[in-house]
Amino acid sequence: LDKAAAGCAVWPGSGALPENGLCAGFIGRSSITPDAAARL
């Protein structure tokens, strides 16, 4: 990949890749909130 396109600080400053790869995205989850439960 083009390091300049890798979205600022996610690419290690040394240029070396972490052993488990480069974190490219994430998802955050939670229990259904009361407001969401009411909508459902």
Full PDB file with SEQRES, HELIX, SHEET, SSBOND, CRYST1, ORIGX, SCALE, CONECT and MASTER records, all heavy atoms in Angstrom:
SEQRES   1 A   40  LEU ASP LYS ALA ALA ALA GLY CYS ALA VAL TRP PRO GLY          
SEQRES   2 A   40  SER GLY ALA LEU PRO GLU ASN GLY LEU CYS ALA GLY PHE          
SEQRES   3 A   40  ILE GLY ARG SER SER ILE THR PRO ASP ALA ALA ALA ARG          
SEQRES   4 A   40  LEU                                                          
HELIX    1 AA1 LYS A    3  ALA A    5  5                                   3    
HELIX    2 AA2 CYS A    8  VAL A   10  5                                   3    
HELIX    3 AA3 PRO A   34  ARG A   39  1                                   6    
CRYST1    1.000    1.000    1.000  90.00  90.00  90.00 P 1           1          
ORIGX1      1.000000  0.000000  0.000000        0.00000                         
ORIGX2      0.000000  1.000000  0.000000        0.00000                         
ORIGX3      0.000000  0.000000  1.000000        0.00000                         
SCALE1      1.000000  0.000000  0.000000        0.00000                         
SCALE2      0.000000  1.000000  0.000000        0.00000                         
SCALE3      0.000000  0.000000  1.000000        0.00000                         
ATOM      1  N   LEU A   1       0.821  -1.202   0.000  1.00  0.00           N  
ATOM      2  CA  LEU A   1       0.000   0.000   0.000  1.00  0.00           C  
ATOM      3  C   LEU A   1       0.855   1.252   0.000  1.00  0.00           C  
ATOM      4  O   LEU A   1       1.995   1.261   0.455  1.00  0.00           O  
ATOM      5  CB  LEU A   1      -0.899   0.012   1.246  1.00  0.00           C  
ATOM      6  CG  LEU A   1      -2.022  -1.008   1.296  1.00  0.00           C  
ATOM      7  CD1 LEU A   1      -2.692  -0.940   2.659  1.00  0.00           C  
ATOM      8  CD2 LEU A   1      -3.038  -0.758   0.199  1.00  0.00           C  
ATOM      9  N   ASP A   2       0.274   2.303  -0.508  1.00  0.00           N  
ATOM     10  CA  ASP A   2       0.913   3.611  -0.455  1.00  0.00           C  
ATOM     11  C   ASP A   2       0.800   4.136   0.971  1.00  0.00           C  
ATOM     12  O   ASP A   2      -0.292   4.406   1.456  1.00  0.00           O  
ATOM     13  CB  ASP A   2       0.206   4.554  -1.437  1.00  0.00           C  
ATOM     14  CG  ASP A   2       0.771   5.961  -1.405  1.00  0.00           C  
ATOM     15  OD1 ASP A   2       1.769   6.200  -0.704  1.00  0.00           O  
ATOM     16  OD2 ASP A   2       0.193   6.826  -2.096  1.00  0.00           O  
ATOM     17  N   LYS A   3       1.911   4.298   1.659  1.00  0.00           N  
ATOM     18  CA  LYS A   3       1.880   4.743   3.052  1.00  0.00           C  
ATOM     19  C   LYS A   3       1.204   6.097   3.194  1.00  0.00           C  
ATOM     20  O   LYS A   3       0.518   6.362   4.180  1.00  0.00           O  
ATOM     21  CB  LYS A   3       3.296   4.795   3.623  1.00  0.00           C  
ATOM     22  CG  LYS A   3       3.993   3.455   3.701  1.00  0.00           C  
ATOM     23  CD  LYS A   3       5.385   3.608   4.292  1.00  0.00           C  
ATOM     24  CE  LYS A   3       6.140   2.293   4.260  1.00  0.00           C  
ATOM     25  NZ  LYS A   3       7.492   2.427   4.832  1.00  0.00           N  
ATOM     26  N   ALA A   4       1.393   6.966   2.197  1.00  0.00           N  
ATOM     27  CA  ALA A   4       0.812   8.301   2.275  1.00  0.00           C  
ATOM     28  C   ALA A   4      -0.711   8.249   2.239  1.00  0.00           C  
ATOM     29  O   ALA A   4      -1.383   9.165   2.707  1.00  0.00           O  
ATOM     30  CB  ALA A   4       1.328   9.164   1.126  1.00  0.00           C  
ATOM     31  N   ALA A   5      -1.263   7.158   1.692  1.00  0.00           N  
ATOM     32  CA  ALA A   5      -2.714   7.026   1.601  1.00  0.00           C  
ATOM     33  C   ALA A   5      -3.300   6.304   2.795  1.00  0.00           C  
ATOM     34  O   ALA A   5      -4.504   6.140   2.893  1.00  0.00           O  
ATOM     35  CB  ALA A   5      -3.089   6.266   0.317  1.00  0.00           C  
ATOM     36  N   ALA A   6      -2.450   5.868   3.712  1.00  0.00           N  
ATOM     37  CA  ALA A   6      -2.901   5.010   4.802  1.00  0.00           C  
ATOM     38  C   ALA A   6      -3.460   5.767   5.991  1.00  0.00           C  
ATOM     39  O   ALA A   6      -3.430   5.280   7.108  1.00  0.00           O  
ATOM     40  CB  ALA A   6      -1.767   4.097   5.248  1.00  0.00           C  
ATOM     41  N   GLY A   7      -3.949   6.943   5.761  1.00  0.00           N  
ATOM     42  CA  GLY A   7      -4.693   7.634   6.809  1.00  0.00           C  
ATOM     43  C   GLY A   7      -3.880   8.012   8.020  1.00  0.00           C  
ATOM     44  O   GLY A   7      -4.076   7.460   9.093  1.00  0.00           O  
ATOM     45  N   CYS A   8      -2.966   8.942   7.878  1.00  0.00           N  
ATOM     46  CA  CYS A   8      -2.202   9.528   8.988  1.00  0.00           C  
ATOM     47  C   CYS A   8      -1.438   8.501   9.814  1.00  0.00           C  
ATOM     48  O   CYS A   8      -0.645   7.734   9.301  1.00  0.00           O  
ATOM     49  CB  CYS A   8      -3.104  10.412   9.858  1.00  0.00           C  
ATOM     50  SG  CYS A   8      -4.532   9.564  10.540  1.00  0.00           S  
ATOM     51  N   ALA A   9      -1.730   8.434  11.134  1.00  0.00           N  
ATOM     52  CA  ALA A   9      -0.836   7.733  12.063  1.00  0.00           C  
ATOM     53  C   ALA A   9      -1.046   6.230  12.146  1.00  0.00           C  
ATOM     54  O   ALA A   9      -0.412   5.580  12.962  1.00  0.00           O  
ATOM     55  CB  ALA A   9      -0.989   8.335  13.459  1.00  0.00           C  
ATOM     56  N   VAL A  10      -1.917   5.638  11.340  1.00  0.00           N  
ATOM     57  CA  VAL A  10      -2.120   4.197  11.488  1.00  0.00           C  
ATOM     58  C   VAL A  10      -0.915   3.397  10.999  1.00  0.00           C  
ATOM     59  O   VAL A  10      -0.712   2.271  11.404  1.00  0.00           O  
ATOM     60  CB  VAL A  10      -3.387   3.714  10.750  1.00  0.00           C  
ATOM     61  CG1 VAL A  10      -4.609   4.364  11.330  1.00  0.00           C  
ATOM     62  CG2 VAL A  10      -3.299   3.974   9.260  1.00  0.00           C  
ATOM     63  N   TRP A  11      -0.109   4.000  10.111  1.00  0.00           N  
ATOM     64  CA  TRP A  11       1.087   3.294   9.650  1.00  0.00           C  
ATOM     65  C   TRP A  11       2.207   3.527  10.651  1.00  0.00           C  
ATOM     66  O   TRP A  11       2.457   4.659  11.044  1.00  0.00           O  
ATOM     67  CB  TRP A  11       1.508   3.805   8.276  1.00  0.00           C  
ATOM     68  CG  TRP A  11       2.433   2.848   7.581  1.00  0.00           C  
ATOM     69  CD1 TRP A  11       3.769   2.713   7.768  1.00  0.00           C  
ATOM     70  CD2 TRP A  11       2.060   1.882   6.612  1.00  0.00           C  
ATOM     71  NE1 TRP A  11       4.270   1.712   6.973  1.00  0.00           N  
ATOM     72  CE2 TRP A  11       3.257   1.188   6.239  1.00  0.00           C  
ATOM     73  CE3 TRP A  11       0.863   1.515   6.009  1.00  0.00           C  
ATOM     74  CZ2 TRP A  11       3.264   0.162   5.297  1.00  0.00           C  
ATOM     75  CZ3 TRP A  11       0.877   0.502   5.078  1.00  0.00           C  
ATOM     76  CH2 TRP A  11       2.054  -0.168   4.729  1.00  0.00           C  
ATOM     77  N   PRO A  12       2.869   2.471  11.097  1.00  0.00           N  
ATOM     78  CA  PRO A  12       3.926   2.646  12.100  1.00  0.00           C  
ATOM     79  C   PRO A  12       4.982   3.639  11.621  1.00  0.00           C  
ATOM     80  O   PRO A  12       5.369   3.628  10.454  1.00  0.00           O  
ATOM     81  CB  PRO A  12       4.513   1.240  12.228  1.00  0.00           C  
ATOM     82  CG  PRO A  12       3.418   0.336  11.762  1.00  0.00           C  
ATOM     83  CD  PRO A  12       2.696   1.087  10.680  1.00  0.00           C  
ATOM     84  N   GLY A  13       5.432   4.490  12.533  1.00  0.00           N  
ATOM     85  CA  GLY A  13       6.377   5.523  12.160  1.00  0.00           C  
ATOM     86  C   GLY A  13       7.678   4.978  11.598  1.00  0.00           C  
ATOM     87  O   GLY A  13       8.318   5.599  10.760  1.00  0.00           O  
ATOM     88  N   SER A  14       8.092   3.796  12.042  1.00  0.00           N  
ATOM     89  CA  SER A  14       9.338   3.215  11.566  1.00  0.00           C  
ATOM     90  C   SER A  14       9.214   2.635  10.177  1.00  0.00           C  
ATOM     91  O   SER A  14      10.199   2.322   9.519  1.00  0.00           O  
ATOM     92  CB  SER A  14       9.780   2.101  12.518  1.00  0.00           C  
ATOM     93  OG  SER A  14       8.841   1.033  12.478  1.00  0.00           O  
ATOM     94  N   GLY A  15       7.965   2.466   9.695  1.00  0.00           N  
ATOM     95  CA  GLY A  15       7.744   1.841   8.400  1.00  0.00           C  
ATOM     96  C   GLY A  15       7.609   0.336   8.494  1.00  0.00           C  
ATOM     97  O   GLY A  15       7.198  -0.308   7.544  1.00  0.00           O  
ATOM     98  N   ALA A  16       7.956  -0.257   9.636  1.00  0.00           N  
ATOM     99  CA  ALA A  16       7.836  -1.701   9.814  1.00  0.00           C  
ATOM    100  C   ALA A  16       6.401  -2.058  10.176  1.00  0.00           C  
ATOM    101  O   ALA A  16       5.749  -1.366  10.946  1.00  0.00           O  
ATOM    102  CB  ALA A  16       8.782  -2.168  10.913  1.00  0.00           C  
ATOM    103  N   LEU A  17       5.912  -3.152   9.604  1.00  0.00           N  
ATOM    104  CA  LEU A  17       4.549  -3.580   9.872  1.00  0.00           C  
ATOM    105  C   LEU A  17       4.483  -4.412  11.147  1.00  0.00           C  
ATOM    106  O   LEU A  17       5.373  -5.220  11.405  1.00  0.00           O  
ATOM    107  CB  LEU A  17       4.001  -4.402   8.703  1.00  0.00           C  
ATOM    108  CG  LEU A  17       3.694  -3.600   7.442  1.00  0.00           C  
ATOM    109  CD1 LEU A  17       3.496  -4.537   6.266  1.00  0.00           C  
ATOM    110  CD2 LEU A  17       2.456  -2.753   7.661  1.00  0.00           C  
ATOM    111  N   PRO A  18       3.422  -4.256  11.950  1.00  0.00           N  
ATOM    112  CA  PRO A  18       3.255  -5.102  13.138  1.00  0.00           C  
ATOM    113  C   PRO A  18       3.147  -6.567  12.729  1.00  0.00           C  
ATOM    114  O   PRO A  18       2.718  -6.883  11.617  1.00  0.00           O  
ATOM    115  CB  PRO A  18       1.936  -4.596  13.739  1.00  0.00           C  
ATOM    116  CG  PRO A  18       1.729  -3.244  13.154  1.00  0.00           C  
ATOM    117  CD  PRO A  18       2.350  -3.278  11.797  1.00  0.00           C  
ATOM    118  N   GLU A  19       3.492  -7.447  13.641  1.00  0.00           N  
ATOM    119  CA  GLU A  19       3.494  -8.873  13.344  1.00  0.00           C  
ATOM    120  C   GLU A  19       2.112  -9.375  12.932  1.00  0.00           C  
ATOM    121  O   GLU A  19       1.987 -10.235  12.063  1.00  0.00           O  
ATOM    122  CB  GLU A  19       3.992  -9.650  14.569  1.00  0.00           C  
ATOM    123  CG  GLU A  19       4.134 -11.145  14.340  1.00  0.00           C  
ATOM    124  CD  GLU A  19       4.715 -11.855  15.532  1.00  0.00           C  
ATOM    125  OE1 GLU A  19       5.287 -11.175  16.412  1.00  0.00           O  
ATOM    126  OE2 GLU A  19       4.590 -13.090  15.594  1.00  0.00           O  
ATOM    127  N   ASN A  20       1.058  -8.840  13.566  1.00  0.00           N  
ATOM    128  CA  ASN A  20      -0.290  -9.324  13.241  1.00  0.00           C  
ATOM    129  C   ASN A  20      -0.939  -8.528  12.115  1.00  0.00           C  
ATOM    130  O   ASN A  20      -2.118  -8.672  11.851  1.00  0.00           O  
ATOM    131  CB  ASN A  20      -1.185  -9.290  14.483  1.00  0.00           C  
ATOM    132  CG  ASN A  20      -1.393  -7.884  15.010  1.00  0.00           C  
ATOM    133  OD1 ASN A  20      -0.644  -6.976  14.663  1.00  0.00           O  
ATOM    134  ND2 ASN A  20      -2.407  -7.695  15.846  1.00  0.00           N  
ATOM    135  N   GLY A  21      -0.172  -7.684  11.421  1.00  0.00           N  
ATOM    136  CA  GLY A  21      -0.711  -6.923  10.315  1.00  0.00           C  
ATOM    137  C   GLY A  21      -1.052  -5.500  10.705  1.00  0.00           C  
ATOM    138  O   GLY A  21      -0.838  -5.071  11.841  1.00  0.00           O  
ATOM    139  N   LEU A  22      -1.601  -4.776   9.773  1.00  0.00           N  
ATOM    140  CA  LEU A  22      -1.926  -3.370   9.972  1.00  0.00           C  
ATOM    141  C   LEU A  22      -3.409  -3.226  10.277  1.00  0.00           C  
ATOM    142  O   LEU A  22      -4.259  -3.753   9.558  1.00  0.00           O  
ATOM    143  CB  LEU A  22      -1.585  -2.591   8.708  1.00  0.00           C  
ATOM    144  CG  LEU A  22      -1.583  -1.071   8.795  1.00  0.00           C  
ATOM    145  CD1 LEU A  22      -0.487  -0.590   9.730  1.00  0.00           C  
ATOM    146  CD2 LEU A  22      -1.392  -0.477   7.412  1.00  0.00           C  
ATOM    147  N   CYS A  23      -3.744  -2.549  11.367  1.00  0.00           N  
ATOM    148  CA  CYS A  23      -5.142  -2.336  11.719  1.00  0.00           C  
ATOM    149  C   CYS A  23      -5.789  -1.456  10.656  1.00  0.00           C  
ATOM    150  O   CYS A  23      -5.370  -0.320  10.432  1.00  0.00           O  
ATOM    151  CB  CYS A  23      -5.240  -1.679  13.094  1.00  0.00           C  
ATOM    152  SG  CYS A  23      -6.944  -1.530  13.672  1.00  0.00           S  
ATOM    153  N   ALA A  24      -6.810  -1.987   9.997  1.00  0.00           N  
ATOM    154  CA  ALA A  24      -7.411  -1.300   8.858  1.00  0.00           C  
ATOM    155  C   ALA A  24      -8.815  -0.788   9.131  1.00  0.00           C  
ATOM    156  O   ALA A  24      -9.334   0.022   8.368  1.00  0.00           O  
ATOM    157  CB  ALA A  24      -7.450  -2.241   7.657  1.00  0.00           C  
ATOM    158  N   GLY A  25      -9.438  -1.249  10.189  1.00  0.00           N  
ATOM    159  CA  GLY A  25     -10.795  -0.809  10.499  1.00  0.00           C  
ATOM    160  C   GLY A  25     -11.270  -1.470  11.775  1.00  0.00           C  
ATOM    161  O   GLY A  25     -10.630  -2.393  12.282  1.00  0.00           O  
ATOM    162  N   PHE A  26     -12.392  -0.981  12.286  1.00  0.00           N  
ATOM    163  CA  PHE A  26     -12.901  -1.554  13.533  1.00  0.00           C  
ATOM    164  C   PHE A  26     -14.408  -1.361  13.631  1.00  0.00           C  
ATOM    165  O   PHE A  26     -15.000  -0.507  12.974  1.00  0.00           O  
ATOM    166  CB  PHE A  26     -12.208  -0.920  14.745  1.00  0.00           C  
ATOM    167  CG  PHE A  26     -12.506   0.548  14.956  1.00  0.00           C  
ATOM    168  CD1 PHE A  26     -13.506   0.958  15.826  1.00  0.00           C  
ATOM    169  CD2 PHE A  26     -11.780   1.516  14.294  1.00  0.00           C  
ATOM    170  CE1 PHE A  26     -13.784   2.307  16.030  1.00  0.00           C  
ATOM    171  CE2 PHE A  26     -12.031   2.872  14.487  1.00  0.00           C  
ATOM    172  CZ  PHE A  26     -13.039   3.263  15.357  1.00  0.00           C  
ATOM    173  N   ILE A  27     -15.007  -2.191  14.468  1.00  0.00           N  
ATOM    174  CA  ILE A  27     -16.428  -2.115  14.761  1.00  0.00           C  
ATOM    175  C   ILE A  27     -16.594  -2.056  16.274  1.00  0.00           C  
ATOM    176  O   ILE A  27     -15.873  -2.727  17.009  1.00  0.00           O  
ATOM    177  CB  ILE A  27     -17.190  -3.327  14.157  1.00  0.00           C  
ATOM    178  CG1 ILE A  27     -18.703  -3.125  14.238  1.00  0.00           C  
ATOM    179  CG2 ILE A  27     -16.774  -4.635  14.818  1.00  0.00           C  
ATOM    180  CD1 ILE A  27     -19.498  -4.151  13.423  1.00  0.00           C  
ATOM    181  N   GLY A  28     -17.514  -1.202  16.732  1.00  0.00           N  
ATOM    182  CA  GLY A  28     -17.799  -1.079  18.150  1.00  0.00           C  
ATOM    183  C   GLY A  28     -19.243  -1.463  18.414  1.00  0.00           C  
ATOM    184  O   GLY A  28     -20.156  -0.975  17.751  1.00  0.00           O  
ATOM    185  N   ARG A  29     -19.463  -2.368  19.379  1.00  0.00           N  
ATOM    186  CA  ARG A  29     -20.799  -2.905  19.638  1.00  0.00           C  
ATOM    187  C   ARG A  29     -21.180  -2.686  21.090  1.00  0.00           C  
ATOM    188  O   ARG A  29     -20.334  -2.491  21.957  1.00  0.00           O  
ATOM    189  CB  ARG A  29     -20.835  -4.399  19.306  1.00  0.00           C  
ATOM    190  CG  ARG A  29     -20.049  -4.739  18.054  1.00  0.00           C  
ATOM    191  CD  ARG A  29     -20.048  -6.195  17.680  1.00  0.00           C  
ATOM    192  NE  ARG A  29     -19.746  -7.108  18.760  1.00  0.00           N  
ATOM    193  CZ  ARG A  29     -19.549  -8.415  18.596  1.00  0.00           C  
ATOM    194  NH1 ARG A  29     -19.620  -8.946  17.394  1.00  0.00           N  
ATOM    195  NH2 ARG A  29     -19.283  -9.200  19.621  1.00  0.00           N  
ATOM    196  N   SER A  30     -22.485  -2.744  21.349  1.00  0.00           N  
ATOM    197  CA  SER A  30     -22.982  -2.633  22.719  1.00  0.00           C  
ATOM    198  C   SER A  30     -24.318  -3.343  22.807  1.00  0.00           C  
ATOM    199  O   SER A  30     -24.907  -3.725  21.788  1.00  0.00           O  
ATOM    200  CB  SER A  30     -23.144  -1.166  23.133  1.00  0.00           C  
ATOM    201  OG  SER A  30     -24.246  -0.580  22.464  1.00  0.00           O  
ATOM    202  N   SER A  31     -24.796  -3.510  24.024  1.00  0.00           N  
ATOM    203  CA  SER A  31     -26.144  -4.044  24.202  1.00  0.00           C  
ATOM    204  C   SER A  31     -27.154  -3.036  23.660  1.00  0.00           C  
ATOM    205  O   SER A  31     -26.877  -1.834  23.575  1.00  0.00           O  
ATOM    206  CB  SER A  31     -26.416  -4.300  25.687  1.00  0.00           C  
ATOM    207  OG  SER A  31     -25.507  -5.239  26.215  1.00  0.00           O  
ATOM    208  N   ILE A  32     -28.314  -3.540  23.291  1.00  0.00           N  
ATOM    209  CA  ILE A  32     -29.364  -2.658  22.784  1.00  0.00           C  
ATOM    210  C   ILE A  32     -29.757  -1.663  23.867  1.00  0.00           C  
ATOM    211  O   ILE A  32     -30.057  -2.039  25.005  1.00  0.00           O  
ATOM    212  CB  ILE A  32     -30.596  -3.485  22.356  1.00  0.00           C  
ATOM    213  CG1 ILE A  32     -30.240  -4.360  21.144  1.00  0.00           C  
ATOM    214  CG2 ILE A  32     -31.774  -2.591  22.042  1.00  0.00           C  
ATOM    215  CD1 ILE A  32     -30.001  -3.613  19.867  1.00  0.00           C  
ATOM    216  N   THR A  33     -29.760  -0.397  23.528  1.00  0.00           N  
ATOM    217  CA  THR A  33     -30.150   0.644  24.486  1.00  0.00           C  
ATOM    218  C   THR A  33     -31.663   0.645  24.655  1.00  0.00           C  
ATOM    219  O   THR A  33     -32.395   0.154  23.781  1.00  0.00           O  
ATOM    220  CB  THR A  33     -29.699   2.020  24.007  1.00  0.00           C  
ATOM    221  OG1 THR A  33     -30.382   2.342  22.789  1.00  0.00           O  
ATOM    222  CG2 THR A  33     -28.189   2.052  23.774  1.00  0.00           C  
ATOM    223  N   PRO A  34     -32.183   1.195  25.761  1.00  0.00           N  
ATOM    224  CA  PRO A  34     -33.643   1.276  25.937  1.00  0.00           C  
ATOM    225  C   PRO A  34     -34.333   1.997  24.787  1.00  0.00           C  
ATOM    226  O   PRO A  34     -35.418   1.595  24.361  1.00  0.00           O  
ATOM    227  CB  PRO A  34     -33.789   2.038  27.256  1.00  0.00           C  
ATOM    228  CG  PRO A  34     -32.541   1.702  28.019  1.00  0.00           C  
ATOM    229  CD  PRO A  34     -31.461   1.642  26.979  1.00  0.00           C  
ATOM    230  N   ASP A  35     -33.705   3.057  24.273  1.00  0.00           N  
ATOM    231  CA  ASP A  35     -34.311   3.796  23.169  1.00  0.00           C  
ATOM    232  C   ASP A  35     -34.413   2.924  21.926  1.00  0.00           C  
ATOM    233  O   ASP A  35     -35.444   2.901  21.241  1.00  0.00           O  
ATOM    234  CB  ASP A  35     -33.484   5.045  22.868  1.00  0.00           C  
ATOM    235  CG  ASP A  35     -34.077   5.871  21.748  1.00  0.00           C  
ATOM    236  OD1 ASP A  35     -35.196   6.383  21.918  1.00  0.00           O  
ATOM    237  OD2 ASP A  35     -33.427   6.005  20.692  1.00  0.00           O  
ATOM    238  N   ALA A  36     -33.336   2.187  21.630  1.00  0.00           N  
ATOM    239  CA  ALA A  36     -33.358   1.296  20.473  1.00  0.00           C  
ATOM    240  C   ALA A  36     -34.361   0.170  20.673  1.00  0.00           C  
ATOM    241  O   ALA A  36     -35.081  -0.217  19.744  1.00  0.00           O  
ATOM    242  CB  ALA A  36     -31.963   0.738  20.225  1.00  0.00           C  
ATOM    243  N   ALA A  37     -34.430  -0.373  21.883  1.00  0.00           N  
ATOM    244  CA  ALA A  37     -35.389  -1.444  22.169  1.00  0.00           C  
ATOM    245  C   ALA A  37     -36.818  -0.968  21.945  1.00  0.00           C  
ATOM    246  O   ALA A  37     -37.658  -1.712  21.419  1.00  0.00           O  
ATOM    247  CB  ALA A  37     -35.210  -1.924  23.605  1.00  0.00           C  
ATOM    248  N   ALA A  38     -37.094   0.265  22.333  1.00  0.00           N  
ATOM    249  CA  ALA A  38     -38.436   0.808  22.131  1.00  0.00           C  
ATOM    250  C   ALA A  38     -38.741   0.949  20.644  1.00  0.00           C  
ATOM    251  O   ALA A  38     -39.866   0.656  20.200  1.00  0.00           O  
ATOM    252  CB  ALA A  38     -38.555   2.163  22.831  1.00  0.00           C  
ATOM    253  N   ARG A  39     -37.754   1.383  19.868  1.00  0.00           N  
ATOM    254  CA  ARG A  39     -37.957   1.509  18.415  1.00  0.00           C  
ATOM    255  C   ARG A  39     -38.232   0.145  17.794  1.00  0.00           C  
ATOM    256  O   ARG A  39     -39.103   0.006  16.932  1.00  0.00           O  
ATOM    257  CB  ARG A  39     -36.733   2.149  17.762  1.00  0.00           C  
ATOM    258  CG  ARG A  39     -36.486   3.593  18.169  1.00  0.00           C  
ATOM    259  CD  ARG A  39     -35.277   4.165  17.427  1.00  0.00           C  
ATOM    260  NE  ARG A  39     -34.897   5.465  17.957  1.00  0.00           N  
ATOM    261  CZ  ARG A  39     -35.515   6.603  17.682  1.00  0.00           C  
ATOM    262  NH1 ARG A  39     -36.543   6.588  16.839  1.00  0.00           N  
ATOM    263  NH2 ARG A  39     -35.124   7.743  18.222  1.00  0.00           N  
ATOM    264  N   LEU A  40     -37.486  -0.861  18.219  1.00  0.00           N  
ATOM    265  CA  LEU A  40     -37.676  -2.201  17.676  1.00  0.00           C  
ATOM    266  C   LEU A  40     -39.043  -2.753  18.057  1.00  0.00           C  
ATOM    267  O   LEU A  40     -39.719  -3.396  17.239  1.00  0.00           O  
ATOM    268  CB  LEU A  40     -36.566  -3.125  18.180  1.00  0.00           C  
ATOM    269  CG  LEU A  40     -35.147  -2.780  17.717  1.00  0.00           C  
ATOM    270  CD1 LEU A  40     -34.135  -3.705  18.389  1.00  0.00           C  
ATOM    271  CD2 LEU A  40     -35.034  -2.865  16.213  1.00  0.00           C  
TER     272      LEU A  40                                                      
MASTER        0    0    0    3    0    0    0    6  271    1    0    4          
END                                                                             
